[in-house]
Amino acid sequence: MSFCFKASTCGTVLNIVPTFLEPNVALGKDASHYPSWWAASIALDGNRECSMEDYSYSKTTYAVVDTKWWQVDLGQEHTIEALVIVPGPTGLSKDSTYIDLLSGTQEVTRTIVLAESIADCKNAIFSFRGEVARYIKIRSNKYRVSIQLREVEVYGNLAPTVCQCCALPALSSFPMPSD
């Protein structure tokens, strides 16, 4: 399982987002953040607009706390293929911004530290290969900086259901033939 975030096809900061075959599994899902200011769910509304006029981004406060965070609950575990983050006006800082993939029991399965800063309205695309997660958390420990997110998109598939007695995928995960 690998991750890359460099100026290459698998993790580049772009002004456009490629079209993925899978739907955005985060669209309209529940989100939370701490310390809260503007609604966390704004970052899951499908709007990537970069207007300063409309305040269409999620935002934590500038409170002096050790860790600020934003999190989406995908509702169930998914096999994550790609994560797209469009930061708000403050961008996201390298070396102090972390992205966690968490299982259904909230155990961290993968943590990424940003190797490059991401400017406002620049789409950061993170490529994964089969990482399973239910929650995606973005956190920062940078002093007096809020987390501002215009949009967060998660692309992937439902994680297969495993039959406890036989360790094979359950029948419900296979397509049924049509009449």
Foldseek 3Di string as FASTA:
>chain_A
DDKDADCDPAKDWALDDDDDPFFQLQAPFDKDWPPFDDDLCLQRPPDLDQDPPPLSKGKHALDFDQKIKMKTFSPAKWFFFKKKFAFHQVFAAFPFKKKFFAHPVRHTPDIDTHPHTHHHSTITMMGDDGDIGRMIMIMGRDHRDMTITNYMTTGGGHDFDADVPPRDGDPVVDDDDDD
